[in-house]
Amino acid sequence: MLQADGIHLYYGASHILRGASVAAEPGKVTCLLGRNGVGKTSMLRGITGHVPVRRGTVMWEDADITKLPAHLRARRGIAYVPQGREIFPRLTVAENLQTGLTAVGRTARRLRDEVFDLFPVLKDMLNRRGGDLSGGQQQQLAIGRALVTQPRLLVLDEPTEGIQPSIIKDIERVIRLLANRGDMAILLVEQYYEFARDLADTVAVLDRGSVVLSGAIEDLSESDVRSHLTV
């Protein structure tokens, strides 16, 4: 289980997160919601070790990982799909997937068929360059690259951004399938209430760097949640 408690995070003198807390359990999808600029991506980057946490703790599988660098968190089973996908446009699909394996031990460095079962299009495009794929295909590639590490925590930053509706449904299906296996916790950032409503088990709503609402999606008022999503 992931438990990030009382997280304070700064960029220079800017106080971005102000005591924010979020949890993610195996077998469940937790969604961070909020307007642009409220600290959602910063929370994910603090959890995955890409920016330092000034105060607070990040606990993963009963261990304090607050001070661990990102690559050691990856070794502990945490995979991150950043906003904007950040694939390598000049590498082929196969080469992009192989880059994900650098995060795991040598004994696990082979591509597993599961990735291609989840995203068949990747198998059909192994020799195509990542930059030649559509936005939706690139997002599938970015998620596939994370999954080759066989994570126990999958962290996704706005996986639906700029994606056509048909592929959004494919991504939603894959996320739910992964959660239903029961051995993976999934934490994602989203701006759209409908996606969270249909997919998430629990939500945490951020506003001005603090969590202002949290709980099971069915226990929260839709109007209260939406009030923190509109400008």
C-alpha atoms as a PDB file:
ATOM      1  CA  MET A   1       0.000   0.000   0.000  1.00  0.00           C
ATOM      2  CA  LEU A   2       1.064   3.566  -0.730  1.00  0.00           C
ATOM      3  CA  GLN A   3       0.531   6.195   1.950  1.00  0.00           C
ATOM      4  CA  ALA A   4       1.741   9.733   1.283  1.00  0.00           C
ATOM      5  CA  ASP A   5       1.094  11.824   4.401  1.00  0.00           C
ATOM      6  CA  GLY A   6       1.376  15.541   4.997  1.00  0.00           C
ATOM      7  CA  ILE A   7       3.389  16.250   1.876  1.00  0.00           C
ATOM      8  CA  HIS A   8       4.957  19.703   1.560  1.00  0.00           C
ATOM      9  CA  LEU A   9       6.752  20.364  -1.698  1.00  0.00           C
ATOM     10  CA  TYR A  10       8.440  23.478  -3.037  1.00  0.00           C
ATOM     11  CA  TYR A  11       9.775  24.705  -6.371  1.00  0.00           C
ATOM     12  CA  GLY A  12      12.305  27.291  -5.273  1.00  0.00           C
ATOM     13  CA  ALA A  13      10.417  29.661  -2.968  1.00  0.00           C
ATOM     14  CA  SER A  14       6.996  28.552  -4.266  1.00  0.00           C
ATOM     15  CA  HIS A  15       5.101  26.381  -1.785  1.00  0.00           C
ATOM     16  CA  ILE A  16       3.264  23.963  -4.102  1.00  0.00           C
ATOM     17  CA  LEU A  17       1.916  21.234  -1.806  1.00  0.00           C
ATOM     18  CA  ARG A  18       0.707  22.130   1.675  1.00  0.00           C
ATOM     19  CA  GLY A  19       0.285  19.019   3.785  1.00  0.00           C
ATOM     20  CA  ALA A  20      -1.427  16.957   1.081  1.00  0.00           C
ATOM     21  CA  SER A  21      -2.118  13.270   1.730  1.00  0.00           C
ATOM     22  CA  VAL A  22      -3.204  10.413  -0.529  1.00  0.00           C
ATOM     23  CA  ALA A  23      -3.312   6.614  -0.335  1.00  0.00           C
ATOM     24  CA  ALA A  24      -3.466   3.867  -2.963  1.00  0.00           C
ATOM     25  CA  GLU A  25      -4.285   0.227  -2.278  1.00  0.00           C
ATOM     26  CA  PRO A  26      -3.670  -2.898  -4.378  1.00  0.00           C
ATOM     27  CA  GLY A  27      -6.713  -3.792  -6.409  1.00  0.00           C
ATOM     28  CA  LYS A  28      -8.067  -0.246  -6.406  1.00  0.00           C
ATOM     29  CA  VAL A  29      -7.867   2.874  -8.557  1.00  0.00           C
ATOM     30  CA  THR A  30      -7.261   6.164  -6.757  1.00  0.00           C
ATOM     31  CA  CYS A  31      -7.757   9.367  -8.726  1.00  0.00           C
ATOM     32  CA  LEU A  32      -6.352  12.806  -7.941  1.00  0.00           C
ATOM     33  CA  LEU A  33      -8.672  15.494  -9.251  1.00  0.00           C
ATOM     34  CA  GLY A  34      -8.354  19.263  -9.442  1.00  0.00           C
ATOM     35  CA  ARG A  35      -7.938  22.282 -11.661  1.00  0.00           C
ATOM     36  CA  ASN A  36      -4.742  23.048 -13.522  1.00  0.00           C
ATOM     37  CA  GLY A  37      -1.973  24.302 -11.280  1.00  0.00           C
ATOM     38  CA  VAL A  38      -3.222  22.986  -7.930  1.00  0.00           C
ATOM     39  CA  GLY A  39      -0.372  20.503  -7.425  1.00  0.00           C
ATOM     40  CA  LYS A  40      -1.602  17.216  -8.904  1.00  0.00           C
ATOM     41  CA  THR A  41       1.485  16.519 -11.015  1.00  0.00           C
ATOM     42  CA  SER A  42       3.735  17.713  -8.201  1.00  0.00           C
ATOM     43  CA  MET A  43       2.131  15.147  -5.891  1.00  0.00           C
ATOM     44  CA  LEU A  44       2.907  12.354  -8.342  1.00  0.00           C
ATOM     45  CA  ARG A  45       6.459  13.578  -8.847  1.00  0.00           C
ATOM     46  CA  GLY A  46       6.994  13.709  -5.101  1.00  0.00           C
ATOM     47  CA  ILE A  47       5.663  10.174  -4.695  1.00  0.00           C
ATOM     48  CA  THR A  48       7.842   8.813  -7.501  1.00  0.00           C
ATOM     49  CA  GLY A  49      10.973  10.652  -6.356  1.00  0.00           C
ATOM     50  CA  HIS A  50      11.352  13.061  -9.255  1.00  0.00           C
ATOM     51  CA  VAL A  51      11.206  16.102  -6.959  1.00  0.00           C
ATOM     52  CA  PRO A  52      12.188  16.196  -3.268  1.00  0.00           C
ATOM     53  CA  VAL A  53       9.603  16.325  -0.505  1.00  0.00           C
ATOM     54  CA  ARG A  54      10.413  19.041   2.039  1.00  0.00           C
ATOM     55  CA  ARG A  55       8.148  17.681   4.783  1.00  0.00           C
ATOM     56  CA  GLY A  56       5.887  14.674   5.162  1.00  0.00           C
ATOM     57  CA  THR A  57       6.426  10.978   4.451  1.00  0.00           C
ATOM     58  CA  VAL A  58       5.967   8.607   1.546  1.00  0.00           C
ATOM     59  CA  MET A  59       5.411   5.054   2.754  1.00  0.00           C
ATOM     60  CA  TRP A  60       5.368   2.146   0.303  1.00  0.00           C
ATOM     61  CA  GLU A  61       4.829  -1.457   1.370  1.00  0.00           C
ATOM     62  CA  ASP A  62       5.560  -0.518   5.008  1.00  0.00           C
ATOM     63  CA  ALA A  63       8.889   1.144   4.152  1.00  0.00           C
ATOM     64  CA  ASP A  64       9.696   4.860   4.291  1.00  0.00           C
ATOM     65  CA  ILE A  65      10.877   5.820   0.792  1.00  0.00           C
ATOM     66  CA  THR A  66      10.659   9.601   1.240  1.00  0.00           C
ATOM     67  CA  LYS A  67      14.376  10.102   0.641  1.00  0.00           C
ATOM     68  CA  LEU A  68      14.925   7.405  -1.977  1.00  0.00           C
ATOM     69  CA  PRO A  69      15.878   8.544  -5.505  1.00  0.00           C
ATOM     70  CA  ALA A  70      13.492   7.782  -8.339  1.00  0.00           C
ATOM     71  CA  HIS A  71      15.467   4.846  -9.768  1.00  0.00           C
ATOM     72  CA  LEU A  72      15.429   3.008  -6.446  1.00  0.00           C
ATOM     73  CA  ARG A  73      11.679   3.559  -6.127  1.00  0.00           C
ATOM     74  CA  ALA A  74      11.329   2.014  -9.569  1.00  0.00           C
ATOM     75  CA  ARG A  75      13.321  -0.979  -8.334  1.00  0.00           C
ATOM     76  CA  ARG A  76      10.776  -1.298  -5.528  1.00  0.00           C
ATOM     77  CA  GLY A  77       7.927  -1.675  -8.001  1.00  0.00           C
ATOM     78  CA  ILE A  78       6.778   1.892  -8.672  1.00  0.00           C
ATOM     79  CA  ALA A  79       6.225   2.814 -12.328  1.00  0.00           C
ATOM     80  CA  TYR A  80       5.451   6.321 -13.572  1.00  0.00           C
ATOM     81  CA  VAL A  81       3.750   7.400 -16.808  1.00  0.00           C
ATOM     82  CA  PRO A  82       4.356  11.165 -17.000  1.00  0.00           C
ATOM     83  CA  GLN A  83       2.136  13.803 -18.506  1.00  0.00           C
ATOM     84  CA  GLY A  84       3.007  14.247 -22.164  1.00  0.00           C
ATOM     85  CA  ARG A  85       4.083  10.584 -22.427  1.00  0.00           C
ATOM     86  CA  GLU A  86       7.807  11.361 -22.911  1.00  0.00           C
ATOM     87  CA  ILE A  87       8.491   8.496 -25.258  1.00  0.00           C
ATOM     88  CA  PHE A  88      11.636   8.547 -27.403  1.00  0.00           C
ATOM     89  CA  PRO A  89      10.412   9.651 -30.854  1.00  0.00           C
ATOM     90  CA  ARG A  90      13.459   8.381 -32.781  1.00  0.00           C
ATOM     91  CA  LEU A  91      13.463   4.945 -31.148  1.00  0.00           C
ATOM     92  CA  THR A  92      11.239   2.154 -32.374  1.00  0.00           C
ATOM     93  CA  VAL A  93       8.336   0.865 -30.310  1.00  0.00           C
ATOM     94  CA  ALA A  94      10.431  -2.173 -29.350  1.00  0.00           C
ATOM     95  CA  GLU A  95      13.357   0.028 -28.298  1.00  0.00           C
ATOM     96  CA  ASN A  96      11.060   2.287 -26.257  1.00  0.00           C
ATOM     97  CA  LEU A  97       9.711  -0.740 -24.420  1.00  0.00           C
ATOM     98  CA  GLN A  98      13.224  -2.002 -23.799  1.00  0.00           C
ATOM     99  CA  THR A  99      14.167   1.276 -22.096  1.00  0.00           C
ATOM    100  CA  GLY A 100      11.634   0.464 -19.393  1.00  0.00           C
ATOM    101  CA  LEU A 101      13.560  -2.663 -18.498  1.00  0.00           C
ATOM    102  CA  THR A 102      16.539  -0.638 -17.274  1.00  0.00           C
ATOM    103  CA  ALA A 103      14.553  -0.007 -14.088  1.00  0.00           C
ATOM    104  CA  VAL A 104      14.459  -3.682 -13.113  1.00  0.00           C
ATOM    105  CA  GLY A 105      17.022  -6.355 -12.299  1.00  0.00           C
ATOM    106  CA  ARG A 106      18.879  -8.192 -15.007  1.00  0.00           C
ATOM    107  CA  THR A 107      16.930 -11.417 -14.477  1.00  0.00           C
ATOM    108  CA  ALA A 108      13.681  -9.666 -15.471  1.00  0.00           C
ATOM    109  CA  ARG A 109      14.969  -7.886 -18.566  1.00  0.00           C
ATOM    110  CA  ARG A 110      12.726  -9.313 -21.233  1.00  0.00           C
ATOM    111  CA  LEU A 111       9.508  -8.101 -22.773  1.00  0.00           C
ATOM    112  CA  ARG A 112       6.464  -9.988 -21.564  1.00  0.00           C
ATOM    113  CA  ASP A 113       3.549 -10.944 -23.800  1.00  0.00           C
ATOM    114  CA  GLU A 114       1.137  -9.353 -21.317  1.00  0.00           C
ATOM    115  CA  VAL A 115       1.940  -5.878 -22.662  1.00  0.00           C
ATOM    116  CA  PHE A 116       0.964  -6.959 -26.159  1.00  0.00           C
ATOM    117  CA  ASP A 117      -2.158  -8.697 -24.864  1.00  0.00           C
ATOM    118  CA  LEU A 118      -3.246  -5.429 -23.276  1.00  0.00           C
ATOM    119  CA  PHE A 119      -2.207  -3.230 -26.221  1.00  0.00           C
ATOM    120  CA  PRO A 120      -2.193  -5.372 -29.404  1.00  0.00           C
ATOM    121  CA  VAL A 121      -1.366  -2.340 -31.546  1.00  0.00           C
ATOM    122  CA  LEU A 122       2.124  -2.242 -30.026  1.00  0.00           C
ATOM    123  CA  LYS A 123       2.933  -5.725 -31.288  1.00  0.00           C
ATOM    124  CA  ASP A 124       1.865  -4.697 -34.785  1.00  0.00           C
ATOM    125  CA  MET A 125       4.103  -1.614 -34.680  1.00  0.00           C
ATOM    126  CA  LEU A 126       7.269  -2.908 -33.012  1.00  0.00           C
ATOM    127  CA  ASN A 127       9.536  -1.627 -35.763  1.00  0.00           C
ATOM    128  CA  ARG A 128       7.894   1.780 -36.186  1.00  0.00           C
ATOM    129  CA  ARG A 129       9.444   4.842 -34.611  1.00  0.00           C
ATOM    130  CA  GLY A 130       7.647   6.219 -31.602  1.00  0.00           C
ATOM    131  CA  GLY A 131       7.357   9.640 -33.190  1.00  0.00           C
ATOM    132  CA  ASP A 132       5.360   8.184 -36.071  1.00  0.00           C
ATOM    133  CA  LEU A 133       2.577   6.916 -33.800  1.00  0.00           C
ATOM    134  CA  SER A 134      -0.633   8.809 -33.116  1.00  0.00           C
ATOM    135  CA  GLY A 135      -1.092  10.474 -29.737  1.00  0.00           C
ATOM    136  CA  GLY A 136      -3.275   7.643 -28.523  1.00  0.00           C
ATOM    137  CA  GLN A 137      -0.803   5.010 -29.673  1.00  0.00           C
ATOM    138  CA  GLN A 138       2.022   6.899 -27.963  1.00  0.00           C
ATOM    139  CA  GLN A 139       0.043   6.874 -24.726  1.00  0.00           C
ATOM    140  CA  GLN A 140      -0.422   3.129 -25.014  1.00  0.00           C
ATOM    141  CA  LEU A 141       3.314   2.826 -25.610  1.00  0.00           C
ATOM    142  CA  ALA A 142       4.085   4.931 -22.529  1.00  0.00           C
ATOM    143  CA  ILE A 143       1.830   2.755 -20.373  1.00  0.00           C
ATOM    144  CA  GLY A 144       3.298  -0.397 -21.922  1.00  0.00           C
ATOM    145  CA  ARG A 145       6.822   0.839 -21.154  1.00  0.00           C
ATOM    146  CA  ALA A 146       5.803   1.236 -17.502  1.00  0.00           C
ATOM    147  CA  LEU A 147       4.176  -2.196 -17.379  1.00  0.00           C
ATOM    148  CA  VAL A 148       7.265  -4.052 -18.605  1.00  0.00           C
ATOM    149  CA  THR A 149       8.757  -3.350 -15.160  1.00  0.00           C
ATOM    150  CA  GLN A 150       5.969  -5.458 -13.606  1.00  0.00           C
ATOM    151  CA  PRO A 151       5.046  -2.690 -11.145  1.00  0.00           C
ATOM    152  CA  ARG A 152       3.016  -3.054  -7.978  1.00  0.00           C
ATOM    153  CA  LEU A 153       2.169   0.655  -8.082  1.00  0.00           C
ATOM    154  CA  LEU A 154       1.291   2.263 -11.409  1.00  0.00           C
ATOM    155  CA  VAL A 155       1.239   6.079 -11.387  1.00  0.00           C
ATOM    156  CA  LEU A 156      -0.301   7.853 -14.389  1.00  0.00           C
ATOM    157  CA  ASP A 157      -0.455  11.586 -15.041  1.00  0.00           C
ATOM    158  CA  GLU A 158      -3.503  12.516 -17.138  1.00  0.00           C
ATOM    159  CA  PRO A 159      -3.577   9.383 -19.306  1.00  0.00           C
ATOM    160  CA  THR A 160      -6.559  10.720 -21.300  1.00  0.00           C
ATOM    161  CA  GLU A 161      -5.030  14.074 -22.259  1.00  0.00           C
ATOM    162  CA  GLY A 162      -5.313  14.714 -25.986  1.00  0.00           C
ATOM    163  CA  ILE A 163      -6.523  11.170 -26.708  1.00  0.00           C
ATOM    164  CA  GLN A 164      -9.350  10.187 -29.036  1.00  0.00           C
ATOM    165  CA  PRO A 165     -12.438   8.705 -27.307  1.00  0.00           C
ATOM    166  CA  SER A 166     -11.968   5.160 -28.638  1.00  0.00           C
ATOM    167  CA  ILE A 167      -8.471   4.896 -27.156  1.00  0.00           C
ATOM    168  CA  ILE A 168      -9.633   6.496 -23.888  1.00  0.00           C
ATOM    169  CA  LYS A 169     -12.011   3.545 -23.577  1.00  0.00           C
ATOM    170  CA  ASP A 170      -9.156   1.126 -24.289  1.00  0.00           C
ATOM    171  CA  ILE A 171      -7.008   2.763 -21.603  1.00  0.00           C
ATOM    172  CA  GLU A 172      -9.887   2.724 -19.138  1.00  0.00           C
ATOM    173  CA  ARG A 173     -10.418  -0.975 -19.845  1.00  0.00           C
ATOM    174  CA  VAL A 174      -6.738  -1.773 -19.270  1.00  0.00           C
ATOM    175  CA  ILE A 175      -6.590   0.206 -16.017  1.00  0.00           C
ATOM    176  CA  ARG A 176      -9.647  -1.549 -14.649  1.00  0.00           C
ATOM    177  CA  LEU A 177      -8.324  -4.949 -15.739  1.00  0.00           C
ATOM    178  CA  LEU A 178      -4.993  -4.308 -13.992  1.00  0.00           C
ATOM    179  CA  ALA A 179      -6.747  -3.202 -10.817  1.00  0.00           C
ATOM    180  CA  ASN A 180      -9.069  -6.208 -10.843  1.00  0.00           C
ATOM    181  CA  ARG A 181      -6.079  -8.559 -10.709  1.00  0.00           C
ATOM    182  CA  GLY A 182      -5.670  -7.391  -7.130  1.00  0.00           C
ATOM    183  CA  ASP A 183      -1.866  -7.175  -7.034  1.00  0.00           C
ATOM    184  CA  MET A 184      -1.384  -3.611  -8.308  1.00  0.00           C
ATOM    185  CA  ALA A 185      -2.291  -0.232  -6.839  1.00  0.00           C
ATOM    186  CA  ILE A 186      -3.121   2.446  -9.397  1.00  0.00           C
ATOM    187  CA  LEU A 187      -2.854   6.185  -8.784  1.00  0.00           C
ATOM    188  CA  LEU A 188      -3.751   8.597 -11.541  1.00  0.00           C
ATOM    189  CA  VAL A 189      -4.273  12.305 -12.096  1.00  0.00           C
ATOM    190  CA  GLU A 190      -7.309  13.421 -14.032  1.00  0.00           C
ATOM    191  CA  GLN A 191      -9.148  16.665 -14.751  1.00  0.00           C
ATOM    192  CA  TYR A 192     -12.424  15.179 -15.924  1.00  0.00           C
ATOM    193  CA  TYR A 193     -15.005  14.062 -13.404  1.00  0.00           C
ATOM    194  CA  GLU A 194     -16.687  11.585 -15.748  1.00  0.00           C
ATOM    195  CA  PHE A 195     -13.535   9.535 -16.220  1.00  0.00           C
ATOM    196  CA  ALA A 196     -12.939   9.406 -12.465  1.00  0.00           C
ATOM    197  CA  ARG A 197     -16.582   8.552 -11.767  1.00  0.00           C
ATOM    198  CA  ASP A 198     -16.509   5.608 -14.164  1.00  0.00           C
ATOM    199  CA  LEU A 199     -13.101   4.252 -13.142  1.00  0.00           C
ATOM    200  CA  ALA A 200     -11.965   5.300  -9.675  1.00  0.00           C
ATOM    201  CA  ASP A 201     -12.700   3.528  -6.423  1.00  0.00           C
ATOM    202  CA  THR A 202     -11.515   6.500  -4.361  1.00  0.00           C
ATOM    203  CA  VAL A 203     -10.735  10.106  -5.187  1.00  0.00           C
ATOM    204  CA  ALA A 204      -8.777  12.935  -3.606  1.00  0.00           C
ATOM    205  CA  VAL A 205      -9.519  16.491  -4.732  1.00  0.00           C
ATOM    206  CA  LEU A 206      -6.678  19.006  -4.597  1.00  0.00           C
ATOM    207  CA  ASP A 207      -7.135  22.749  -4.349  1.00  0.00           C
ATOM    208  CA  ARG A 208      -4.290  25.225  -3.760  1.00  0.00           C
ATOM    209  CA  GLY A 209      -1.925  22.452  -2.761  1.00  0.00           C
ATOM    210  CA  SER A 210      -4.165  20.797  -0.179  1.00  0.00           C
ATOM    211  CA  VAL A 211      -6.591  17.876  -0.305  1.00  0.00           C
ATOM    212  CA  VAL A 212     -10.048  19.366   0.260  1.00  0.00           C
ATOM    213  CA  LEU A 213     -12.171  16.268  -0.422  1.00  0.00           C
ATOM    214  CA  SER A 214     -11.373  12.565  -0.311  1.00  0.00           C
ATOM    215  CA  GLY A 215     -13.123   9.239  -0.025  1.00  0.00           C
ATOM    216  CA  ALA A 216     -14.987   6.626  -2.011  1.00  0.00           C
ATOM    217  CA  ILE A 217     -16.356   8.109  -5.212  1.00  0.00           C
ATOM    218  CA  GLU A 218     -19.920   7.045  -4.382  1.00  0.00           C
ATOM    219  CA  ASP A 219     -19.747   8.784  -0.993  1.00  0.00           C
ATOM    220  CA  LEU A 220     -18.832  12.200  -2.356  1.00  0.00           C
ATOM    221  CA  SER A 221     -21.272  14.747  -3.719  1.00  0.00           C
ATOM    222  CA  GLU A 222     -20.808  15.246  -7.448  1.00  0.00           C
ATOM    223  CA  SER A 223     -21.567  18.954  -7.118  1.00  0.00           C
ATOM    224  CA  ASP A 224     -18.964  19.350  -4.362  1.00  0.00           C
ATOM    225  CA  VAL A 225     -16.315  17.605  -6.466  1.00  0.00           C
ATOM    226  CA  ARG A 226     -17.189  19.550  -9.601  1.00  0.00           C
ATOM    227  CA  SER A 227     -16.984  22.852  -7.733  1.00  0.00           C
ATOM    228  CA  HIS A 228     -13.236  22.270  -7.411  1.00  0.00           C
ATOM    229  CA  LEU A 229     -12.797  21.378 -11.074  1.00  0.00           C
ATOM    230  CA  THR A 230     -14.314  24.428 -12.713  1.00  0.00           C
ATOM    231  CA  VAL A 231     -12.571  27.775 -13.114  1.00  0.00           C
END
